Amino acid sequence: MLVPRGILAVWGYGDPVIEGDEANAIVHAYNRGTIESFWLPERQLLLDGYRTVDFPFDEINPPSFGLEQRWSLSELGGYLRTWSATARYAAELGSDPIIEVERNLSHVWGDPDAKRLISWPLYVRAGRAS
C-alpha cells in the first residue's frame, strides 16, 4: 500500500546495443538465439516496459533516458556472464557460452582493450497514489 499522494516508480533496462553493427549482431544473436530459452518468462514484463502489469496509480509520464557505458571486450564478456540466462545455460549444458561470443566478437572488435559504447534502453513506469 502506498501512502496518499505517494509515488511509485519501477524501472529496468532492456537488451544492450553494442557499438558497431557486426558486434551488435553477435551479441543480439547470443541473447535472442543461444540463450533465449534460458530467460525466465517474467523477463517479458520488463521488455514490455511493464505496460502489461496492472498499475492502479495515476500515471506519471517520466522523461525518456538511457544508460551508456564504454567497455573493452573482456568487460563486455564479464557483463554477459552476469546474466541469469547465461548462468542457467552454463549450469544445464556444462559450458561457458561466452567463450564463443568473445571469440566471434574478437574478429570484429579490433584491439580487445579498445572501448566500445554499450547502451541500454531504460523502462520506467511511475505513478502517484490518489
Protein backbone atom coordinates (compact mmCIF):
# COMPACT_ATOMS: atom_id res chain seq x y z
CA MET A 1 0.00 0.00 0.00
CA LEU A 2 1.27 3.41 -0.95
CA VAL A 3 0.62 6.42 1.29
CA PRO A 4 -1.79 9.00 -0.16
CA ARG A 5 -0.07 11.08 -2.85
CA GLY A 6 2.97 8.78 -2.57
CA ILE A 7 4.88 7.99 -5.75
CA LEU A 8 5.92 4.57 -7.01
CA ALA A 9 8.44 4.12 -9.80
CA VAL A 10 9.55 0.80 -11.27
CA TRP A 11 12.36 0.59 -13.75
CA GLY A 12 14.62 -1.79 -15.57
CA TYR A 13 16.84 -1.94 -18.60
CA GLY A 14 16.40 -3.77 -21.85
CA ASP A 15 18.73 -5.52 -24.26
CA PRO A 16 22.15 -3.94 -24.77
CA VAL A 17 23.05 -2.29 -28.05
CA ILE A 18 26.73 -2.63 -28.93
CA GLU A 19 28.59 -0.04 -30.99
CA GLY A 20 29.24 -1.47 -34.47
CA ASP A 21 26.67 -3.38 -36.49
CA GLU A 22 28.63 -6.65 -36.60
CA ALA A 23 29.41 -6.64 -32.87
CA ASN A 24 25.80 -5.79 -32.06
CA ALA A 25 24.54 -8.60 -34.31
CA ILE A 26 26.77 -11.14 -32.50
CA VAL A 27 25.51 -10.14 -29.05
CA HIS A 28 21.91 -9.97 -30.27
CA ALA A 29 22.19 -13.48 -31.77
CA TYR A 30 23.56 -14.75 -28.47
CA ASN A 31 20.85 -13.07 -26.40
CA ARG A 32 17.85 -13.78 -28.64
CA GLY A 33 19.12 -17.07 -30.03
CA THR A 34 21.60 -19.06 -27.96
CA ILE A 35 20.19 -18.24 -24.53
CA GLU A 36 16.64 -17.07 -25.31
CA SER A 37 15.06 -20.22 -23.88
CA PHE A 38 17.07 -19.81 -20.65
CA TRP A 39 15.50 -16.47 -19.73
CA LEU A 40 12.63 -16.69 -17.25
CA PRO A 41 9.25 -15.93 -18.83
CA GLU A 42 8.77 -12.98 -16.45
CA ARG A 43 11.52 -11.14 -18.31
CA GLN A 44 8.90 -10.26 -20.91
CA LEU A 45 7.28 -7.93 -18.34
CA LEU A 46 10.44 -5.83 -18.40
CA LEU A 47 10.84 -5.92 -22.16
CA ASP A 48 7.23 -4.72 -22.43
CA GLY A 49 8.20 -1.75 -20.26
CA TYR A 50 5.88 -3.03 -17.50
CA ARG A 51 2.94 -1.84 -19.64
CA THR A 52 1.18 -5.21 -19.28
CA VAL A 53 1.16 -5.04 -15.46
CA ASP A 54 -1.95 -3.75 -13.67
CA PHE A 55 -0.93 -0.35 -12.35
CA PRO A 56 -3.60 1.19 -10.09
CA PHE A 57 -1.97 4.60 -9.81
CA ASP A 58 -2.31 7.92 -11.60
CA GLU A 59 0.36 7.56 -14.27
CA ILE A 60 3.25 9.99 -14.35
CA ASN A 61 4.97 10.31 -17.70
CA PRO A 62 8.71 10.18 -16.90
CA PRO A 63 11.30 11.66 -19.25
CA SER A 64 12.94 9.32 -21.72
CA PHE A 65 16.51 8.36 -20.89
CA GLY A 66 19.01 5.58 -21.38
CA LEU A 67 22.13 4.06 -19.93
CA GLU A 68 25.53 4.10 -21.61
CA GLN A 69 28.92 2.63 -20.78
CA ARG A 70 32.19 2.15 -22.66
CA TRP A 71 33.67 -1.32 -22.23
CA SER A 72 36.51 -3.41 -23.57
CA LEU A 73 35.81 -6.85 -25.00
CA SER A 74 36.65 -8.57 -21.69
CA GLU A 75 34.44 -6.15 -19.74
CA LEU A 76 31.53 -6.91 -22.07
CA GLY A 77 32.19 -10.64 -21.66
CA GLY A 78 32.17 -10.22 -17.89
CA TYR A 79 28.83 -8.45 -18.06
CA LEU A 80 27.31 -11.16 -20.27
CA ARG A 81 28.41 -13.73 -17.71
CA THR A 82 26.29 -11.97 -15.05
CA TRP A 83 23.06 -12.67 -16.93
CA SER A 84 20.80 -15.20 -15.25
CA ALA A 85 20.14 -16.86 -18.62
CA THR A 86 23.89 -17.29 -19.15
CA ALA A 87 24.18 -18.94 -15.72
CA ARG A 88 21.24 -21.27 -16.48
CA TYR A 89 22.79 -22.22 -19.83
CA ALA A 90 26.16 -22.94 -18.20
CA ALA A 91 24.58 -24.98 -15.40
CA GLU A 92 22.41 -27.03 -17.73
CA LEU A 93 24.90 -27.59 -20.54
CA GLY A 94 28.11 -27.55 -18.51
CA SER A 95 29.97 -24.97 -20.58
CA ASP A 96 30.61 -21.23 -20.68
CA PRO A 97 28.74 -19.86 -23.73
CA ILE A 98 30.58 -16.55 -23.54
CA ILE A 99 33.82 -18.13 -24.78
CA GLU A 100 32.29 -18.46 -28.24
CA VAL A 101 30.74 -14.98 -28.08
CA GLU A 102 34.13 -13.47 -27.21
CA ARG A 103 35.80 -15.46 -29.98
CA ASN A 104 33.23 -14.21 -32.52
CA LEU A 105 33.50 -10.64 -31.25
CA SER A 106 37.31 -10.73 -31.42
CA HIS A 107 37.07 -10.90 -35.23
CA VAL A 108 35.19 -7.58 -35.41
CA TRP A 109 36.27 -5.77 -32.22
CA GLY A 110 39.81 -4.87 -33.21
CA ASP A 111 42.06 -4.13 -30.23
CA PRO A 112 40.40 -6.13 -27.39
CA ASP A 113 41.31 -3.33 -24.95
CA ALA A 114 39.55 -0.73 -27.11
CA LYS A 115 36.39 0.59 -25.51
CA ARG A 116 33.09 0.39 -27.38
CA LEU A 117 29.90 2.17 -26.48
CA ILE A 118 27.24 -0.10 -24.98
CA SER A 119 23.77 1.37 -24.46
CA TRP A 120 20.59 0.09 -22.90
CA PRO A 121 17.05 1.40 -23.11
CA LEU A 122 15.60 2.14 -19.69
CA TYR A 123 11.98 1.36 -18.97
CA VAL A 124 10.25 3.39 -16.29
CA ARG A 125 6.70 3.26 -15.12
CA ALA A 126 5.70 5.73 -12.45
CA GLY A 127 2.53 6.73 -10.72
CA ARG A 128 1.05 8.57 -7.79
CA ALA A 129 -1.43 7.18 -5.31
CA SER A 130 -4.74 9.03 -5.16
